[in-house]
Amino acid sequence: MKMIKQSLFDKLKDSLNMRKDVFLLTITEHPNTDLIGEKALLWPNGDLFTESPLPPLLQSHLFSNCKKLIKRQRSGLITFEHINENIECFAEYFPVQIHLIVAGAGHVCEPVVEMAKMLGFYVTVVDDRSDFANKERFPNVDEVCCQSFIQFFRNVTITNHTYILLLTRGHKYDVLSLQELLKRKEKSSYIGMIGSRRRISGVFNELLQDFPDECLDHLFTPVGLDIGAETPSEIAVSIMAEILKVKNGKSGSSLSSKIRDYAKMGFHEGASK
């Protein structure tokens, strides 16, 4: 079996560091045995990288036959016909880590980032106070940034794998952060903002003056699911449950609700689905 060459491996690593999904393709069956074991990197936009040149038509067929896997974001085996020859290729999906950015390093931030790391998120904490934003307080997170919220959100990389949580110490910092985020062409998948009804109302009033036509569907506030959370740890559970709900495209309703419906039907038709 052929080994992955270092330059291709470096390209794979660089892609993940830049938070770009990528597929590693390995040709597993080909009439030309020299091509068996050949590898390529394929990005969702159709870009392909190989160390050994592959025929352009074969490259095109690889991309077109991987489209379903790209859409589903899944690894899988593809088979197709290329110039009257059967080709088989395994496409291994390398997803980037979901990037959770927590703005505001106060008491709620600590259990949130602990839970996020347990769930496999890449976590960044940002605060403009050095007493709060430091590695001593957050030894397990991936990045701790001590800088202004404006500067951070003006320059940070944002993709559809970015989830942002605003736990700042005041209304004005929420507004400043959101103003910078709404100016960006790139949009995150989620922005959650903590706060009372009065604080939230003030933030919306200010934002709508500057961004009257802005769609705020990806802004979740008050943040979290309604589970009666009161302590910082309980609030962290509520917040992370909502983020998972959004990430996984689920309802967030109790799993037992369907069982109750089936019970009323006597667990007959549909109960096993």
Protein backbone atom coordinates (compact mmCIF):
# COMPACT_ATOMS: atom_id res chain seq x y z
CA MET A 1 0.00 0.00 0.00
CA LYS A 2 1.37 3.41 -0.98
CA MET A 3 2.22 5.86 1.78
CA ILE A 4 0.86 9.40 1.87
CA LYS A 5 3.65 11.64 0.66
CA GLN A 6 4.73 14.38 3.02
CA SER A 7 3.70 17.31 0.83
CA LEU A 8 0.17 15.93 0.49
CA PHE A 9 0.04 15.35 4.23
CA ASP A 10 1.18 18.93 4.84
CA LYS A 11 -1.50 20.19 2.48
CA LEU A 12 -4.10 18.22 4.43
CA LYS A 13 -2.86 19.60 7.73
CA ASP A 14 -2.79 23.15 6.38
CA SER A 15 -6.36 22.83 5.16
CA LEU A 16 -7.59 21.74 8.57
CA ASN A 17 -5.60 24.50 10.28
CA MET A 18 -7.32 26.98 7.98
CA ARG A 19 -10.69 25.45 8.94
CA LYS A 20 -11.46 24.05 5.50
CA ASP A 21 -13.18 20.67 5.07
CA VAL A 22 -11.30 18.30 2.80
CA PHE A 23 -11.60 14.75 1.43
CA LEU A 24 -8.65 12.39 1.06
CA LEU A 25 -9.24 10.25 -2.03
CA THR A 26 -7.55 6.88 -2.53
CA ILE A 27 -7.96 4.94 -5.76
CA THR A 28 -8.69 1.36 -4.67
CA GLU A 29 -9.48 -0.24 -8.03
CA HIS A 30 -8.26 0.68 -11.52
CA PRO A 31 -7.30 -1.33 -14.62
CA ASN A 32 -3.96 0.46 -14.52
CA THR A 33 -2.48 -1.08 -11.39
CA ASP A 34 0.06 1.75 -11.13
CA LEU A 35 -2.80 4.07 -10.18
CA ILE A 36 -4.09 1.85 -7.36
CA GLY A 37 -3.20 3.53 -4.10
CA GLU A 38 -2.79 6.97 -5.68
CA LYS A 39 -4.10 9.73 -3.44
CA ALA A 40 -5.57 13.17 -3.93
CA LEU A 41 -7.09 15.91 -1.82
CA LEU A 42 -10.51 17.19 -2.84
CA TRP A 43 -12.16 20.31 -1.45
CA PRO A 44 -15.94 20.92 -1.58
CA ASN A 45 -15.48 23.70 -4.16
CA GLY A 46 -13.96 21.19 -6.60
CA ASP A 47 -10.28 22.05 -6.12
CA LEU A 48 -8.09 18.95 -6.36
CA PHE A 49 -4.49 18.43 -5.31
CA THR A 50 -2.34 15.50 -6.39
CA GLU A 51 1.37 14.86 -6.25
CA SER A 52 1.29 12.58 -9.29
CA PRO A 53 -0.66 13.99 -12.24
CA LEU A 54 -4.03 12.39 -12.94
CA PRO A 55 -5.79 12.70 -16.31
CA PRO A 56 -8.08 15.79 -16.32
CA LEU A 57 -11.15 13.73 -17.22
CA LEU A 58 -10.48 11.35 -14.32
CA GLN A 59 -10.18 14.34 -11.98
CA SER A 60 -13.51 15.64 -13.25
CA HIS A 61 -15.16 12.24 -12.70
CA LEU A 62 -13.75 12.02 -9.18
CA PHE A 63 -15.31 15.35 -8.25
CA SER A 64 -18.68 14.70 -9.88
CA ASN A 65 -19.00 11.31 -8.21
CA CYS A 66 -18.02 12.69 -4.81
CA LYS A 67 -20.71 15.40 -4.84
CA LYS A 68 -23.17 13.32 -2.82
CA LEU A 69 -20.52 12.62 -0.16
CA ILE A 70 -19.57 16.31 -0.12
CA LYS A 71 -23.22 17.31 0.38
CA ARG A 72 -23.72 14.73 3.14
CA GLN A 73 -20.28 15.43 4.66
CA ARG A 74 -19.57 11.73 4.93
CA SER A 75 -16.79 9.31 4.03
CA GLY A 76 -17.65 6.61 1.53
CA LEU A 77 -16.74 4.38 -1.38
CA ILE A 78 -17.52 5.59 -4.91
CA THR A 79 -17.56 3.55 -8.10
CA PHE A 80 -17.94 4.91 -11.59
CA GLU A 81 -17.11 4.25 -15.22
CA HIS A 82 -14.24 6.15 -16.80
CA ILE A 83 -13.51 5.61 -20.51
CA ASN A 84 -15.27 2.22 -20.40
CA GLU A 85 -13.26 1.20 -17.33
CA ASN A 86 -14.57 0.63 -13.80
CA ILE A 87 -12.93 2.80 -11.17
CA GLU A 88 -13.29 2.51 -7.40
CA CYS A 89 -12.17 5.17 -4.94
CA PHE A 90 -12.48 5.64 -1.20
CA ALA A 91 -13.17 9.22 -0.08
CA GLU A 92 -12.28 9.91 3.56
CA TYR A 93 -13.89 13.03 4.98
CA PHE A 94 -11.80 15.27 7.22
CA PRO A 95 -14.12 17.82 8.84
CA VAL A 96 -12.70 20.83 10.60
CA GLN A 97 -13.45 21.28 14.28
CA ILE A 98 -16.37 23.53 15.08
CA HIS A 99 -14.88 26.82 16.27
CA LEU A 100 -16.56 28.27 19.35
CA ILE A 101 -15.62 31.86 20.14
CA VAL A 102 -16.59 33.05 23.61
CA ALA A 103 -16.44 36.82 24.05
CA GLY A 104 -16.30 37.69 27.73
CA ALA A 105 -14.25 35.66 30.19
CA GLY A 106 -16.52 35.96 33.22
CA HIS A 107 -17.95 33.32 35.54
CA VAL A 108 -20.32 31.75 32.96
CA CYS A 109 -17.51 31.42 30.43
CA GLU A 110 -15.55 28.91 32.53
CA PRO A 111 -18.07 26.02 32.57
CA VAL A 112 -19.07 26.79 28.97
CA VAL A 113 -15.55 26.33 27.60
CA GLU A 114 -14.93 23.23 29.74
CA MET A 115 -18.05 21.63 28.29
CA ALA A 116 -17.22 22.77 24.75
CA LYS A 117 -13.79 21.13 24.95
CA MET A 118 -15.40 17.91 26.18
CA LEU A 119 -17.63 18.04 23.09
CA GLY A 120 -14.65 18.42 20.76
CA PHE A 121 -14.93 22.10 19.86
CA TYR A 122 -11.95 24.29 19.03
CA VAL A 123 -12.38 27.03 21.64
CA THR A 124 -11.23 30.65 21.65
CA VAL A 125 -11.79 32.97 24.60
CA VAL A 126 -11.50 36.72 24.08
CA ASP A 127 -11.64 39.53 26.64
CA ASP A 128 -10.00 42.94 26.91
CA ARG A 129 -8.98 42.41 30.54
CA SER A 130 -5.67 40.66 31.15
CA ASP A 131 -6.79 39.51 34.61
CA PHE A 132 -9.55 37.51 32.91
CA ALA A 133 -8.10 36.55 29.53
CA ASN A 134 -5.08 34.44 30.40
CA LYS A 135 -3.97 30.82 30.17
CA GLU A 136 -3.89 30.44 33.95
CA ARG A 137 -7.68 30.77 34.05
CA PHE A 138 -8.25 28.79 30.86
CA PRO A 139 -5.45 26.21 30.59
CA ASN A 140 -7.44 23.80 28.42
CA VAL A 141 -8.78 26.09 25.71
CA ASP A 142 -7.07 26.36 22.33
CA GLU A 143 -6.68 30.15 22.23
CA VAL A 144 -6.94 32.97 24.76
CA CYS A 145 -6.93 36.46 23.21
CA CYS A 146 -6.53 39.58 25.33
CA GLN A 147 -7.66 42.39 23.05
CA SER A 148 -10.62 44.64 22.37
CA PHE A 149 -13.78 42.98 21.10
CA ILE A 150 -13.88 45.40 18.15
CA GLN A 151 -10.37 44.50 17.00
CA PHE A 152 -10.91 40.80 17.49
CA PHE A 153 -14.19 40.52 15.57
CA ARG A 154 -12.89 42.80 12.84
CA ASN A 155 -10.08 40.37 11.99
CA VAL A 156 -11.00 36.87 13.17
CA THR A 157 -11.60 34.21 10.51
CA ILE A 158 -15.31 33.40 10.24
CA THR A 159 -16.78 30.43 8.35
CA ASN A 160 -19.95 28.36 8.53
CA HIS A 161 -18.08 26.30 11.16
CA THR A 162 -17.88 29.34 13.47
CA TYR A 163 -20.16 29.64 16.50
CA ILE A 164 -20.01 32.83 18.56
CA LEU A 165 -21.13 33.35 22.12
CA LEU A 166 -21.39 36.86 23.61
CA LEU A 167 -21.01 36.72 27.39
CA THR A 168 -19.59 40.22 27.77
CA ARG A 169 -19.88 42.29 30.92
CA GLY A 170 -22.15 44.96 29.47
CA HIS A 171 -24.62 46.05 26.84
CA LYS A 172 -22.16 48.31 25.03
CA TYR A 173 -19.70 45.48 24.43
CA ASP A 174 -22.46 43.34 22.93
CA VAL A 175 -23.39 46.18 20.57
CA LEU A 176 -19.77 46.81 19.56
CA SER A 177 -19.18 43.12 18.91
CA LEU A 178 -22.37 42.69 16.90
CA GLN A 179 -21.72 45.82 14.87
CA GLU A 180 -18.38 44.42 13.77
CA LEU A 181 -19.89 41.01 13.01
CA LEU A 182 -22.75 42.47 10.97
CA LYS A 183 -20.30 44.48 8.87
CA ARG A 184 -18.56 41.27 7.84
CA LYS A 185 -19.38 39.59 4.55
CA GLU A 186 -18.72 36.21 6.18
CA LYS A 187 -21.48 34.95 8.46
CA SER A 188 -21.17 32.55 11.37
CA SER A 189 -23.67 29.73 11.86
CA TYR A 190 -24.65 30.94 15.30
CA ILE A 191 -24.42 33.99 17.52
CA GLY A 192 -25.73 33.59 21.06
CA MET A 193 -26.05 36.53 23.43
CA ILE A 194 -26.71 36.37 27.14
CA GLY A 195 -28.73 39.05 28.88
CA SER A 196 -31.95 40.27 30.41
CA ARG A 197 -34.95 41.36 28.35
CA ARG A 198 -34.03 45.00 28.95
CA ARG A 199 -30.43 44.47 27.84
CA ILE A 200 -31.51 42.56 24.74
CA SER A 201 -34.05 45.23 23.84
CA GLY A 202 -31.37 47.93 24.07
CA VAL A 203 -29.01 45.95 21.85
CA PHE A 204 -31.66 45.41 19.15
CA ASN A 205 -32.71 49.06 19.20
CA GLU A 206 -29.14 50.19 18.55
CA LEU A 207 -28.45 47.55 15.90
CA LEU A 208 -31.59 48.31 13.91
CA GLN A 209 -30.59 51.95 13.66
CA ASP A 210 -27.35 51.02 11.88
CA PHE A 211 -28.55 47.84 10.15
CA PRO A 212 -32.28 48.32 9.43
CA ASP A 213 -32.39 45.63 6.74
CA GLU A 214 -30.23 43.07 8.50
CA CYS A 215 -31.63 39.57 9.03
CA LEU A 216 -30.86 38.46 12.58
CA ASP A 217 -32.13 34.90 12.30
CA HIS A 218 -28.75 33.51 13.37
CA LEU A 219 -28.79 35.62 16.58
CA PHE A 220 -30.08 33.60 19.54
CA THR A 221 -30.98 35.69 22.55
CA PRO A 222 -31.70 35.09 25.37
CA VAL A 223 -29.17 32.36 24.80
CA GLY A 224 -29.78 28.70 25.61
CA LEU A 225 -32.66 26.23 25.87
CA ASP A 226 -35.40 26.69 28.43
CA ILE A 227 -34.43 24.18 31.14
CA GLY A 228 -34.71 26.51 34.12
CA ALA A 229 -30.95 27.02 34.35
CA GLU A 230 -29.77 29.22 37.22
CA THR A 231 -26.18 28.38 38.18
CA PRO A 232 -23.26 29.01 35.79
CA SER A 233 -22.92 25.26 35.20
CA GLU A 234 -26.62 24.88 34.45
CA ILE A 235 -26.48 27.87 32.11
CA ALA A 236 -23.51 26.24 30.34
CA VAL A 237 -25.58 23.07 29.78
CA SER A 238 -28.45 25.17 28.40
CA ILE A 239 -26.14 27.10 26.05
CA MET A 240 -24.22 24.12 24.72
CA ALA A 241 -27.46 22.17 24.20
CA GLU A 242 -28.75 25.00 22.02
CA ILE A 243 -25.50 25.13 20.03
CA LEU A 244 -25.69 21.38 19.40
CA LYS A 245 -29.34 21.79 18.38
CA VAL A 246 -28.36 24.37 15.77
CA LYS A 247 -25.24 22.48 14.61
CA ASN A 248 -27.12 19.21 14.16
CA GLY A 249 -30.32 20.76 12.78
CA LYS A 250 -32.54 19.16 15.41
CA SER A 251 -35.65 20.33 17.26
CA GLY A 252 -34.28 20.30 20.78
CA SER A 253 -37.50 18.68 22.02
CA SER A 254 -37.55 15.80 24.47
CA LEU A 255 -36.85 12.43 22.85
CA SER A 256 -39.54 10.87 25.04
CA SER A 257 -42.28 12.93 23.35
CA LYS A 258 -42.38 10.54 20.37
CA ILE A 259 -42.55 7.52 22.65
CA ARG A 260 -45.55 9.04 24.40
CA ASP A 261 -47.25 9.48 21.02
CA TYR A 262 -46.52 5.86 20.13
CA ALA A 263 -47.83 4.73 23.51
CA LYS A 264 -51.16 6.42 22.77
CA MET A 265 -51.25 4.46 19.50
CA GLY A 266 -50.49 1.25 21.35
CA PHE A 267 -46.97 1.07 19.84
CA HIS A 268 -48.46 -0.12 16.56
CA GLU A 269 -47.83 1.45 13.18
CA GLY A 270 -44.80 3.76 13.11
CA ALA A 271 -43.59 2.87 16.61
CA SER A 272 -40.40 1.30 15.35
CA LYS A 273 -39.44 4.23 13.11
